[in-house]
Structure formats: C-alpha cells, structure tokens
N, C-alpha and C. Protein backbone atom coordinates (compact mmCIF):
# COMPACT_ATOMS: atom_id res chain seq x y z
N MET A 1 -43.20 -182.00 116.97
CA MET A 1 -43.10 -180.80 116.01
C MET A 1 -45.09 -180.78 115.87
N ASP A 2 -45.53 -182.21 116.11
CA ASP A 2 -47.16 -182.20 116.75
C ASP A 2 -47.10 -180.87 117.08
N ASP A 3 -46.82 -180.41 118.29
CA ASP A 3 -47.06 -179.18 118.84
C ASP A 3 -47.29 -177.84 117.79
N CYS A 4 -45.99 -177.82 116.42
CA CYS A 4 -45.85 -176.77 115.61
C CYS A 4 -47.14 -176.96 115.42
N VAL A 5 -47.28 -177.85 114.23
CA VAL A 5 -48.97 -178.07 113.73
C VAL A 5 -49.79 -177.41 114.35
N VAL A 6 -49.80 -177.85 115.87
CA VAL A 6 -51.30 -177.01 116.30
C VAL A 6 -51.18 -175.43 116.58
N LEU A 7 -50.03 -175.07 116.75
CA LEU A 7 -49.84 -173.77 116.76
C LEU A 7 -49.79 -172.82 115.54
N GLN A 8 -49.79 -173.57 115.02
CA GLN A 8 -50.24 -172.98 113.61
C GLN A 8 -51.84 -172.78 113.11
N THR A 9 -52.01 -173.92 113.49
CA THR A 9 -53.69 -173.85 113.14
C THR A 9 -54.27 -173.23 114.37
N ALA A 10 -53.32 -173.19 114.80
CA ALA A 10 -54.09 -172.03 116.48
C ALA A 10 -54.26 -170.30 115.80
N LEU A 11 -52.87 -170.42 114.92
CA LEU A 11 -52.14 -169.07 114.57
C LEU A 11 -53.12 -169.50 113.25
N PHE A 12 -54.11 -170.12 112.44
CA PHE A 12 -54.89 -169.37 110.99
C PHE A 12 -56.11 -168.82 112.18
N LYS A 13 -56.49 -169.59 112.77
CA LYS A 13 -57.85 -169.86 113.52
C LYS A 13 -57.87 -167.84 113.74
N LEU A 14 -56.82 -167.65 114.56
CA LEU A 14 -56.40 -165.96 114.70
C LEU A 14 -56.88 -165.44 113.56
N ILE A 15 -55.95 -165.78 112.50
CA ILE A 15 -56.08 -165.12 111.18
C ILE A 15 -57.70 -164.82 110.59
N ASN A 16 -58.00 -166.24 110.86
CA ASN A 16 -60.03 -166.09 110.55
C ASN A 16 -60.28 -165.17 111.59
N TRP A 17 -59.90 -165.15 112.47
CA TRP A 17 -61.52 -164.62 113.56
C TRP A 17 -60.81 -162.81 113.62
N CYS A 18 -60.03 -162.64 113.24
CA CYS A 18 -59.30 -160.91 112.82
C CYS A 18 -59.94 -160.78 111.54
N GLU A 19 -59.46 -161.79 110.49
CA GLU A 19 -60.57 -161.40 109.08
C GLU A 19 -62.13 -161.11 108.96
N ARG A 20 -62.87 -162.21 110.05
CA ARG A 20 -64.32 -162.07 110.86
C ARG A 20 -64.45 -161.05 111.87
N VAL A 21 -63.86 -160.22 112.18
CA VAL A 21 -63.91 -158.68 112.87
C VAL A 21 -63.67 -157.60 112.74
N GLY A 22 -62.74 -157.59 111.43
CA GLY A 22 -62.88 -156.65 110.29
C GLY A 22 -60.61 -156.47 111.08
N LEU A 23 -59.81 -156.93 111.73
CA LEU A 23 -58.65 -156.25 112.43
C LEU A 23 -57.85 -157.37 111.20
N SER A 24 -56.48 -155.98 110.83
CA SER A 24 -56.40 -156.69 109.75
C SER A 24 -54.37 -156.52 111.43
N LEU A 25 -53.82 -157.85 109.95
CA LEU A 25 -52.28 -157.84 110.79
C LEU A 25 -50.88 -156.95 110.50
N ASN A 26 -50.32 -156.41 111.19
CA ASN A 26 -49.14 -155.86 110.64
C ASN A 26 -48.30 -156.91 110.66
N LEU A 27 -47.89 -157.73 109.47
CA LEU A 27 -46.88 -158.32 109.00
C LEU A 27 -45.47 -157.82 109.25
N ASP A 28 -44.92 -156.73 110.15
CA ASP A 28 -44.01 -156.50 110.36
C ASP A 28 -43.84 -156.02 111.36
N LYS A 29 -45.16 -156.30 112.00
CA LYS A 29 -44.52 -156.41 113.27
C LYS A 29 -44.85 -157.98 114.20
N CYS A 30 -45.34 -158.32 113.11
CA CYS A 30 -45.61 -159.91 113.57
C CYS A 30 -43.71 -160.69 113.55
N LYS A 31 -43.72 -161.38 115.11
CA LYS A 31 -42.87 -162.15 114.69
C LYS A 31 -42.73 -163.83 115.59
N THR A 32 -42.16 -164.06 115.64
CA THR A 32 -42.15 -165.81 116.32
C THR A 32 -40.41 -165.61 117.22
N MET A 33 -41.34 -166.28 118.79
CA MET A 33 -39.91 -166.21 119.37
C MET A 33 -39.37 -167.60 120.28
N THR A 34 -38.78 -168.28 119.96
CA THR A 34 -38.83 -169.69 120.64
C THR A 34 -38.18 -169.97 122.29
N LEU A 35 -38.63 -170.54 123.33
CA LEU A 35 -38.87 -170.04 124.17
C LEU A 35 -38.54 -171.73 124.79
N PHE A 36 -37.14 -172.16 125.55
CA PHE A 36 -37.77 -173.34 125.59
C PHE A 36 -36.56 -173.60 127.13
N ARG A 37 -36.53 -175.20 127.81
CA ARG A 37 -36.09 -175.10 128.94
C ARG A 37 -34.69 -175.86 128.90
N THR A 38 -34.97 -177.33 127.54
CA THR A 38 -33.44 -177.99 126.78
C THR A 38 -32.84 -176.79 126.50
N ARG A 39 -31.45 -177.61 126.47
CA ARG A 39 -30.51 -177.09 125.05
C ARG A 39 -30.96 -176.91 123.80
N LYS A 40 -31.63 -177.92 123.47
CA LYS A 40 -32.33 -178.05 121.79
C LYS A 40 -33.39 -177.29 121.33
N SER A 41 -33.95 -176.36 121.11
CA SER A 41 -34.52 -175.88 120.89
C SER A 41 -35.41 -176.68 119.72
N ILE A 42 -36.43 -175.87 118.81
CA ILE A 42 -37.55 -176.78 118.18
C ILE A 42 -37.87 -175.74 117.18
N ILE A 43 -37.18 -175.39 116.32
CA ILE A 43 -37.40 -174.19 114.99
C ILE A 43 -38.07 -175.08 114.04
N HIS A 44 -39.53 -173.98 114.16
CA HIS A 44 -40.49 -173.97 112.94
C HIS A 44 -41.18 -172.52 112.67
N ASP A 45 -40.69 -173.10 111.04
CA ASP A 45 -41.69 -171.15 110.10
C ASP A 45 -43.13 -171.46 110.24
N TYR A 46 -42.89 -170.06 111.40
CA TYR A 46 -44.97 -170.38 111.54
C TYR A 46 -45.76 -169.31 109.91
N GLN A 47 -46.48 -169.52 109.20
CA GLN A 47 -46.51 -168.63 108.62
C GLN A 47 -48.37 -167.60 108.22
N VAL A 48 -47.99 -166.45 108.42
CA VAL A 48 -49.08 -165.84 108.08
C VAL A 48 -49.71 -164.64 106.54
N TYR A 49 -50.63 -164.91 106.43
CA TYR A 49 -50.80 -164.65 104.57
C TYR A 49 -50.16 -165.56 103.99
N ASN A 50 -49.30 -166.91 103.98
CA ASN A 50 -48.02 -167.65 103.48
C ASN A 50 -46.77 -167.10 103.12
N GLN A 51 -47.04 -166.23 103.82
CA GLN A 51 -45.76 -165.51 103.81
C GLN A 51 -44.43 -165.97 105.58
N THR A 52 -43.74 -166.43 105.60
CA THR A 52 -42.92 -166.20 106.83
C THR A 52 -42.64 -165.06 107.80
N LEU A 53 -43.12 -166.08 109.15
CA LEU A 53 -42.84 -164.56 109.89
C LEU A 53 -41.04 -165.15 110.65
N SER A 54 -40.86 -163.95 110.03
CA SER A 54 -38.74 -164.07 111.23
C SER A 54 -38.99 -164.27 112.74
N GLN A 55 -37.56 -164.75 111.80
CA GLN A 55 -37.25 -165.51 113.97
C GLN A 55 -36.30 -164.15 114.74
N VAL A 56 -36.68 -164.60 116.27
CA VAL A 56 -36.72 -163.11 116.53
C VAL A 56 -35.53 -163.75 118.31
N TYR A 57 -34.65 -163.51 118.27
CA TYR A 57 -34.37 -163.95 120.02
C TYR A 57 -34.15 -162.61 120.83
N GLN A 58 -34.46 -162.01 120.72
CA GLN A 58 -34.69 -160.95 121.93
C GLN A 58 -35.79 -159.78 121.33
N VAL A 59 -37.00 -159.35 122.41
CA VAL A 59 -38.16 -159.04 122.31
C VAL A 59 -38.51 -157.68 122.97
N ASP A 60 -38.26 -156.80 123.39
CA ASP A 60 -38.72 -155.61 124.25
C ASP A 60 -40.08 -156.30 124.08
N ASP A 61 -41.04 -156.23 125.38
CA ASP A 61 -42.71 -155.43 125.25
C ASP A 61 -42.68 -155.11 126.29
N LEU A 62 -43.41 -154.13 126.26
CA LEU A 62 -43.93 -153.44 127.88
C LEU A 62 -42.90 -152.83 129.16
N GLY A 63 -41.93 -152.36 128.41
CA GLY A 63 -40.78 -152.43 128.78
C GLY A 63 -39.80 -153.52 129.61
N PHE A 64 -40.26 -154.58 129.37
CA PHE A 64 -39.56 -155.67 129.63
C PHE A 64 -38.91 -156.52 128.73
N GLY A 65 -37.14 -156.83 129.27
CA GLY A 65 -37.19 -157.07 127.86
C GLY A 65 -36.82 -159.04 127.46
N LEU A 66 -37.00 -160.15 126.73
CA LEU A 66 -37.18 -161.24 127.13
C LEU A 66 -36.33 -161.50 125.96
N ILE A 67 -35.20 -162.49 127.04
CA ILE A 67 -33.85 -162.83 125.78
C ILE A 67 -33.96 -164.41 125.64
N GLY A 68 -34.77 -165.10 125.18
CA GLY A 68 -34.18 -166.48 124.84
C GLY A 68 -35.47 -166.50 126.22
N THR A 69 -34.72 -167.26 127.45
CA THR A 69 -35.98 -167.70 128.67
C THR A 69 -35.43 -166.79 129.73
N ILE A 70 -35.02 -165.17 129.04
CA ILE A 70 -35.01 -165.15 130.78
C ILE A 70 -35.34 -163.36 130.91
N VAL A 71 -35.74 -163.10 131.61
CA VAL A 71 -37.11 -162.25 131.51
C VAL A 71 -36.18 -160.56 132.04
N VAL A 72 -35.56 -159.77 131.23
CA VAL A 72 -34.90 -158.74 132.00
C VAL A 72 -35.23 -157.49 132.48
N PHE A 73 -35.28 -156.96 133.35
CA PHE A 73 -35.70 -155.64 133.77
C PHE A 73 -35.05 -154.27 133.65
N ASN A 74 -33.82 -154.91 133.68
CA ASN A 74 -33.16 -153.78 133.41
C ASN A 74 -33.04 -152.21 132.99
N ASN A 75 -34.15 -152.70 131.29
CA ASN A 75 -34.44 -151.50 130.59
C ASN A 75 -35.96 -151.16 131.62
N HIS A 76 -37.02 -151.72 132.07
CA HIS A 76 -37.58 -151.22 132.70
C HIS A 76 -37.44 -150.81 133.79
N ILE A 77 -36.27 -151.07 134.10
CA ILE A 77 -36.25 -150.31 135.94
C ILE A 77 -35.29 -148.44 135.09
N GLU A 78 -34.85 -149.09 134.51
CA GLU A 78 -33.75 -147.44 134.11
C GLU A 78 -35.32 -146.27 133.67
N TYR A 79 -36.18 -146.90 132.89
CA TYR A 79 -37.75 -145.81 132.05
C TYR A 79 -38.23 -145.36 133.35
N VAL A 80 -38.07 -146.22 134.49
CA VAL A 80 -39.21 -145.95 135.68
C VAL A 80 -38.03 -144.51 136.85
N THR A 81 -37.20 -144.81 136.80
CA THR A 81 -36.62 -144.84 137.33
C THR A 81 -35.54 -142.88 136.98
N CYS A 82 -35.80 -142.77 135.49
CA CYS A 82 -35.01 -141.64 134.43
C CYS A 82 -36.73 -140.87 134.21
N LYS A 83 -38.32 -141.47 134.82
CA LYS A 83 -39.44 -141.02 134.50
C LYS A 83 -39.88 -140.52 136.41
N ALA A 84 -38.88 -141.16 137.08
CA ALA A 84 -38.80 -140.19 138.44
C ALA A 84 -38.80 -139.16 138.79
N LEU A 85 -37.34 -138.99 138.67
CA LEU A 85 -36.20 -137.77 138.17
C LEU A 85 -36.74 -136.36 137.51
N ARG A 86 -37.24 -136.63 136.54
CA ARG A 86 -37.69 -136.01 135.41
C ARG A 86 -38.79 -135.30 136.53
N THR A 87 -39.97 -136.22 137.02
CA THR A 87 -40.72 -135.92 138.31
C THR A 87 -40.29 -135.09 139.14
N LEU A 88 -38.54 -134.94 139.70
CA LEU A 88 -38.65 -134.83 140.88
C LEU A 88 -38.18 -133.85 140.40
N GLY A 89 -37.69 -132.94 139.27
CA GLY A 89 -36.67 -132.29 138.79
C GLY A 89 -38.11 -130.84 138.24
N PHE A 90 -39.23 -131.35 137.94
CA PHE A 90 -40.62 -131.11 137.61
C PHE A 90 -40.53 -130.36 139.35
N ILE A 91 -40.88 -131.25 140.13
CA ILE A 91 -41.11 -130.40 141.35
C ILE A 91 -40.57 -129.63 141.89
N ARG A 92 -38.89 -130.11 142.12
CA ARG A 92 -38.17 -128.83 142.61
C ARG A 92 -37.63 -127.97 142.03
N ARG A 93 -38.20 -127.37 140.01
CA ARG A 93 -38.26 -126.31 139.86
C ARG A 93 -39.53 -125.66 140.56
N ASN A 94 -40.33 -125.90 140.30
CA ASN A 94 -41.92 -125.09 139.77
C ASN A 94 -42.00 -124.92 141.42
N ALA A 95 -40.96 -125.50 143.26
CA ALA A 95 -41.31 -125.21 144.11
C ALA A 95 -40.69 -124.40 144.68
N SER A 96 -39.29 -124.21 143.54
CA SER A 96 -38.71 -123.38 144.42
C SER A 96 -39.10 -121.72 145.05
N ASP A 97 -40.21 -121.39 144.83
CA ASP A 97 -40.72 -120.28 144.89
C ASP A 97 -41.64 -120.20 145.77
N PHE A 98 -41.45 -121.26 146.70
CA PHE A 98 -42.45 -121.38 147.96
C PHE A 98 -41.98 -121.32 149.19
N ASP A 99 -41.62 -120.49 149.22
CA ASP A 99 -41.68 -119.59 151.20
C ASP A 99 -41.55 -120.70 152.10
N GLN A 100 -42.55 -121.12 152.09
CA GLN A 100 -42.80 -122.45 153.29
C GLN A 100 -44.04 -122.74 153.38
N LEU A 101 -44.28 -124.11 153.75
CA LEU A 101 -45.25 -125.16 153.31
C LEU A 101 -46.25 -124.98 153.95
N LEU A 102 -47.50 -124.28 154.00
CA LEU A 102 -48.87 -124.05 154.11
C LEU A 102 -49.09 -125.32 155.08
N GLY A 103 -49.49 -124.90 156.15
CA GLY A 103 -50.18 -126.67 156.90
C GLY A 103 -51.56 -125.75 157.24
N PHE A 104 -53.07 -126.83 157.56
CA PHE A 104 -54.39 -126.81 157.78
C PHE A 104 -54.41 -127.03 159.27
C-alpha cells in the first residue's frame, strides 16, 4: 500500500503542475488500470479533484490494446492493413489510365 500512497502523491504533484502551467485534466478521460505480475492485484482508488478515477481492465492507446498485462497488436495490425489496402485501391484507380510506364 505504500506504493499506492506514493503514486497518489505523484498524481497530486501532476495536478499542481497542470494548474501552474494552465492545463486542465479531462476527468472523463482519466482512468486507472492495474498491471501486475502475480495473481493477487492491488486495487486502490486514486483521487483527482476529490473525484475517484474509474478502474478499467482494457484500454486502447495508439492503436495498441492493453488488457491486464498483455499487449494486443490485433487492432493495430488491422488498422495498418486497412490503410495499406485503401492506398493500394487509390493507386489502382488512378493508375488505370496509364498505358505504359515511362522510364528515364
């Protein structure tokens, strides 16, 4: 539990810094997620502006899904594949009028 207190103190320092530089936190987007190596996890309620942050068990960030302690790349791979196929379709549609490739 000492680590939870240290983390809450660091969170208070982050909030104070945000206030000093004129940034505000969107509490609807602030969540907590516990990552652990053992079967027994430590669940602690963290506070921001006297409001308890909600606990989540899965989060998607930068296209990577994080579930518990497992990083899941499926969503990211699907996103990159779809983007590549859209680009290929664009090239095929726009290059269909080319009769021959010109080389220099």
